Amino acid sequence: MIFNLRGGNGTGKSYPGFELLKHYGSVDEIYVPTPSGKSQKLIGHVLPGSLVLAGRYTFGPKGGYSGGVDGYRPAEWIRHMIMDFSAHYDHVFFESMMISCSATPWWTEIAEHEPEEWMFALLDTPFPVALDGIYTRNGGKEVNVEALHGTYKNCWRSLEILQELGANTMMVPRERSYEVVRDTLMDAGWNPFAEQEEELQNEELQEQERREQERRVQETMHPLRWGHA
């Protein structure tokens, strides 16, 4: 599954990604060279069970955090990045303010690439709650409330357009966003414990083989097989 979580500024889009990373950990990180070629840019975390969190999901020096793919440009490059992730991993989770207001370009991109594998989801965070989140994050500085509200409404309209186009869509309750995202991915086949379960099964098989071998040895060494009473 490719899961795109949407919402306006302050709605809590990054929270589920950080929670997934905290609960299951990263087994690998994905980097690409910067335009100058002098350094590498983090673009994703690989979680157990072949799930990629697209974006940085790192904590800043002043306690702030950065998640999602908002810092990457242009939008076309982001679409190609997500498609590339989906070609190499079983599941992808991504979110972005910029993407949240976009509908038709994404549908055009995925319409010929198994659109049933995609889920476009929108957080149901009320605008006043989102606005409080913005003020908390920026230290109470003045913001353009009208512009933010316009973006907020565009996110809802974009999901409606995707639904009209035939895409899979859903609403995600803000209060249970992590649990809903996690469970939806698991219902689609994501199993973060797959490798551990496979190792346990291998250990059990090895133990069964060891016991069977011991049984055969004991049978061959039984006194009655040599004609003794």
Protein backbone atom coordinates (compact mmCIF):
# COMPACT_ATOMS: atom_id res chain seq x y z
CA MET A 1 0.00 0.00 0.00
CA ILE A 2 1.03 3.58 -0.71
CA PHE A 3 -0.57 5.72 2.01
CA ASN A 4 -0.76 9.49 1.52
CA LEU A 5 -1.88 11.38 4.63
CA ARG A 6 -3.22 14.86 3.92
CA GLY A 7 -4.15 17.97 5.88
CA GLY A 8 -3.47 21.67 6.24
CA ASN A 9 -0.81 23.32 8.38
CA GLY A 10 -0.97 22.28 12.03
CA THR A 11 -3.35 19.36 11.47
CA GLY A 12 -0.85 16.74 12.70
CA LYS A 13 0.29 15.04 9.49
CA SER A 14 3.79 14.20 10.73
CA TYR A 15 2.67 12.63 14.01
CA PRO A 16 1.80 9.13 12.68
CA GLY A 17 5.13 8.90 10.85
CA PHE A 18 7.11 9.80 13.96
CA GLU A 19 5.10 7.27 15.98
CA LEU A 20 5.74 4.51 13.44
CA LEU A 21 9.44 5.30 13.58
CA LYS A 22 9.42 5.36 17.39
CA HIS A 23 7.54 2.07 17.80
CA TYR A 24 9.20 -0.01 15.07
CA GLY A 25 12.55 1.63 14.42
CA SER A 26 14.47 2.15 11.20
CA VAL A 27 16.45 -0.69 9.65
CA ASP A 28 17.90 1.54 6.95
CA GLU A 29 17.93 5.12 5.68
CA ILE A 30 17.68 6.29 2.07
CA TYR A 31 19.85 9.16 0.83
CA VAL A 32 20.35 10.92 -2.49
CA PRO A 33 23.15 13.30 -3.47
CA THR A 34 22.47 17.02 -3.15
CA PRO A 35 22.58 19.08 -6.39
CA SER A 36 26.17 20.09 -5.63
CA GLY A 37 27.14 16.46 -5.13
CA LYS A 38 29.11 17.38 -2.01
CA SER A 39 26.71 15.83 0.50
CA GLN A 40 23.78 13.45 0.89
CA LYS A 41 20.13 14.30 1.61
CA LEU A 42 17.94 12.01 3.71
CA ILE A 43 14.74 11.15 1.84
CA GLY A 44 13.35 8.14 3.67
CA HIS A 45 13.48 5.59 6.49
CA VAL A 46 13.00 1.87 5.88
CA LEU A 47 11.01 0.19 8.66
CA PRO A 48 10.74 -3.56 9.31
CA GLY A 49 8.30 -5.28 6.99
CA SER A 50 9.32 -3.32 3.87
CA LEU A 51 7.66 -0.01 4.78
CA VAL A 52 9.23 3.30 3.73
CA LEU A 53 8.53 6.57 5.53
CA ALA A 54 9.23 9.14 2.84
CA GLY A 55 10.88 12.23 4.29
CA ARG A 56 13.37 13.16 6.99
CA TYR A 57 11.53 12.58 10.26
CA THR A 58 14.38 14.10 12.25
CA PHE A 59 14.36 16.32 15.33
CA GLY A 60 15.90 19.76 15.02
CA PRO A 61 18.51 21.30 17.36
CA LYS A 62 15.91 23.53 19.05
CA GLY A 63 13.41 20.76 19.69
CA GLY A 64 11.50 21.23 16.44
CA TYR A 65 11.00 18.38 14.08
CA SER A 66 10.87 17.79 10.37
CA GLY A 67 8.75 15.12 8.76
CA GLY A 68 7.16 14.52 5.40
CA VAL A 69 8.41 15.67 2.04
CA ASP A 70 7.57 19.40 2.12
CA GLY A 71 11.22 20.38 1.85
CA TYR A 72 11.68 18.61 -1.47
CA ARG A 73 11.09 20.25 -4.84
CA PRO A 74 9.71 20.15 -7.45
CA ALA A 75 6.41 18.28 -7.00
CA GLU A 76 7.17 16.13 -10.05
CA TRP A 77 10.38 14.92 -8.40
CA ILE A 78 8.39 13.94 -5.29
CA ARG A 79 5.96 11.91 -7.40
CA HIS A 80 8.82 10.09 -9.07
CA MET A 81 10.45 9.44 -5.70
CA ILE A 82 7.26 7.90 -4.30
CA MET A 83 6.80 5.76 -7.42
CA ASP A 84 10.39 4.58 -7.12
CA PHE A 85 9.89 3.68 -3.45
CA SER A 86 6.75 1.71 -4.32
CA ALA A 87 8.69 -0.23 -6.97
CA HIS A 88 11.30 -1.39 -4.44
CA TYR A 89 9.31 -1.70 -1.20
CA ASP A 90 5.92 -3.21 -0.37
CA HIS A 91 4.52 -0.19 1.49
CA VAL A 92 5.06 3.58 1.48
CA PHE A 93 3.81 6.29 3.84
CA PHE A 94 4.16 9.96 2.89
CA GLU A 95 2.66 13.31 3.76
CA SER A 96 3.19 16.92 2.76
CA MET A 97 1.41 20.25 2.96
CA MET A 98 2.16 20.95 -0.70
CA ILE A 99 0.83 17.57 -1.82
CA SER A 100 -2.30 17.88 0.32
CA CYS A 101 -3.78 20.47 -2.06
CA SER A 102 -2.96 18.47 -5.20
CA ALA A 103 -5.32 15.94 -6.78
CA THR A 104 -5.32 15.53 -10.57
CA PRO A 105 -1.50 15.31 -11.04
CA TRP A 106 -1.34 12.44 -8.57
CA TRP A 107 -4.25 10.60 -10.13
CA THR A 108 -2.69 11.04 -13.59
CA GLU A 109 0.56 9.59 -12.23
CA ILE A 110 -0.98 6.50 -10.62
CA ALA A 111 -3.96 5.75 -12.87
CA GLU A 112 -1.88 3.30 -14.92
CA HIS A 113 0.08 1.90 -11.97
CA GLU A 114 -2.33 -0.16 -9.85
CA PRO A 115 -4.34 2.70 -8.31
CA GLU A 116 -6.04 0.19 -5.99
CA GLU A 117 -2.74 0.03 -4.09
CA TRP A 118 -3.06 3.70 -3.11
CA MET A 119 -4.92 5.30 -0.23
CA PHE A 120 -5.45 9.06 0.02
CA ALA A 121 -6.43 10.01 3.56
CA LEU A 122 -7.37 13.33 5.17
CA LEU A 123 -7.09 14.25 8.85
CA ASP A 124 -10.38 15.52 10.31
CA THR A 125 -8.61 18.12 12.47
CA PRO A 126 -10.93 21.15 12.95
CA PHE A 127 -9.43 24.40 11.69
CA PRO A 128 -9.37 26.13 15.13
CA VAL A 129 -7.38 23.17 16.51
CA ALA A 130 -4.99 23.34 13.56
CA LEU A 131 -4.57 27.09 14.10
CA ASP A 132 -3.72 26.53 17.77
CA GLY A 133 -1.10 24.01 16.63
CA ILE A 134 0.44 26.57 14.29
CA TYR A 135 0.66 29.21 17.04
CA THR A 136 2.22 26.67 19.39
CA ARG A 137 4.79 25.70 16.80
CA ASN A 138 5.79 29.24 15.79
CA GLY A 139 5.82 30.69 19.31
CA GLY A 140 2.62 32.71 18.96
CA LYS A 141 3.75 34.83 16.00
CA GLU A 142 1.11 36.46 13.84
CA VAL A 143 -0.07 34.41 10.84
CA ASN A 144 -2.31 35.01 7.83
CA VAL A 145 -5.39 33.20 9.14
CA GLU A 146 -7.39 33.79 5.95
CA ALA A 147 -4.70 32.23 3.76
CA LEU A 148 -4.30 29.29 6.11
CA HIS A 149 -8.05 28.70 6.12
CA GLY A 150 -8.07 28.81 2.33
CA THR A 151 -5.37 26.14 2.19
CA TYR A 152 -7.27 24.09 4.77
CA LYS A 153 -10.40 24.12 2.59
CA ASN A 154 -8.36 23.27 -0.52
CA CYS A 155 -7.13 20.10 1.19
CA TRP A 156 -10.71 18.95 1.71
CA ARG A 157 -11.67 19.82 -1.85
CA SER A 158 -8.65 17.93 -3.24
CA LEU A 159 -9.72 14.77 -1.44
CA GLU A 160 -13.23 15.16 -2.86
CA ILE A 161 -11.74 15.44 -6.37
CA LEU A 162 -9.67 12.30 -5.86
CA GLN A 163 -12.78 10.48 -4.69
CA GLU A 164 -14.68 11.66 -7.75
CA LEU A 165 -11.84 10.44 -9.98
CA GLY A 166 -12.13 6.97 -8.44
CA ALA A 167 -9.26 6.91 -5.97
CA ASN A 168 -9.41 5.16 -2.60
CA THR A 169 -10.02 7.80 0.06
CA MET A 170 -10.68 7.85 3.79
CA MET A 171 -10.96 10.22 6.73
CA VAL A 172 -8.52 9.82 9.63
CA PRO A 173 -9.60 10.97 13.11
CA ARG A 174 -6.97 13.27 14.58
CA GLU A 175 -7.25 11.73 18.05
CA ARG A 176 -6.40 8.24 16.72
CA SER A 177 -4.33 9.12 13.67
CA TYR A 178 -1.36 6.87 14.48
CA GLU A 179 -3.51 3.84 15.30
CA VAL A 180 -5.66 4.26 12.18
CA VAL A 181 -2.65 4.69 9.87
CA ARG A 182 -0.88 1.70 11.46
CA ASP A 183 -3.94 -0.55 11.29
CA THR A 184 -4.73 0.43 7.69
CA LEU A 185 -1.19 -0.45 6.62
CA MET A 186 -1.37 -3.75 8.51
CA ASP A 187 -4.74 -4.59 6.94
CA ALA A 188 -3.03 -4.08 3.58
CA GLY A 189 -0.36 -6.65 4.47
CA TRP A 190 2.33 -4.72 6.32
CA ASN A 191 3.87 -6.95 8.98
CA PRO A 192 6.69 -5.31 10.95
CA PHE A 193 7.35 -8.61 12.72
CA ALA A 194 7.66 -10.74 9.57
CA GLU A 195 11.42 -11.27 9.87
CA GLN A 196 11.18 -12.13 13.57
CA GLU A 197 8.38 -14.61 12.87
CA GLU A 198 10.42 -16.21 10.08
CA GLU A 199 13.43 -16.53 12.38
CA LEU A 200 11.24 -18.11 15.07
CA GLN A 201 9.78 -20.57 12.56
CA ASN A 202 13.29 -21.49 11.39
CA GLU A 203 14.36 -22.05 14.99
CA GLU A 204 11.33 -24.26 15.61
CA LEU A 205 12.07 -26.27 12.46
CA GLN A 206 15.68 -26.70 13.51
CA GLU A 207 14.55 -27.86 16.94
CA GLN A 208 12.14 -30.38 15.37
CA GLU A 209 14.91 -31.68 13.12
CA ARG A 210 17.24 -32.01 16.10
CA ARG A 211 14.67 -33.99 18.07
CA GLU A 212 13.95 -36.22 15.08
CA GLN A 213 17.64 -36.89 14.67
CA GLU A 214 17.97 -37.78 18.35
CA ARG A 215 14.98 -40.13 18.07
CA ARG A 216 16.54 -41.94 15.12
CA VAL A 217 19.85 -42.31 16.94
CA GLN A 218 18.08 -43.71 19.99
CA GLU A 219 16.16 -46.17 17.82
CA THR A 220 19.33 -47.47 16.19
CA MET A 221 20.99 -47.89 19.56
CA HIS A 222 18.04 -49.67 21.27
CA PRO A 223 19.18 -53.07 22.72
CA LEU A 224 16.26 -55.00 21.19
CA ARG A 225 17.48 -54.07 17.72
CA TRP A 226 20.68 -56.01 18.45
CA GLY A 227 18.82 -59.11 19.64
CA HIS A 228 19.44 -58.59 23.39
CA ALA A 229 16.81 -59.00 26.07
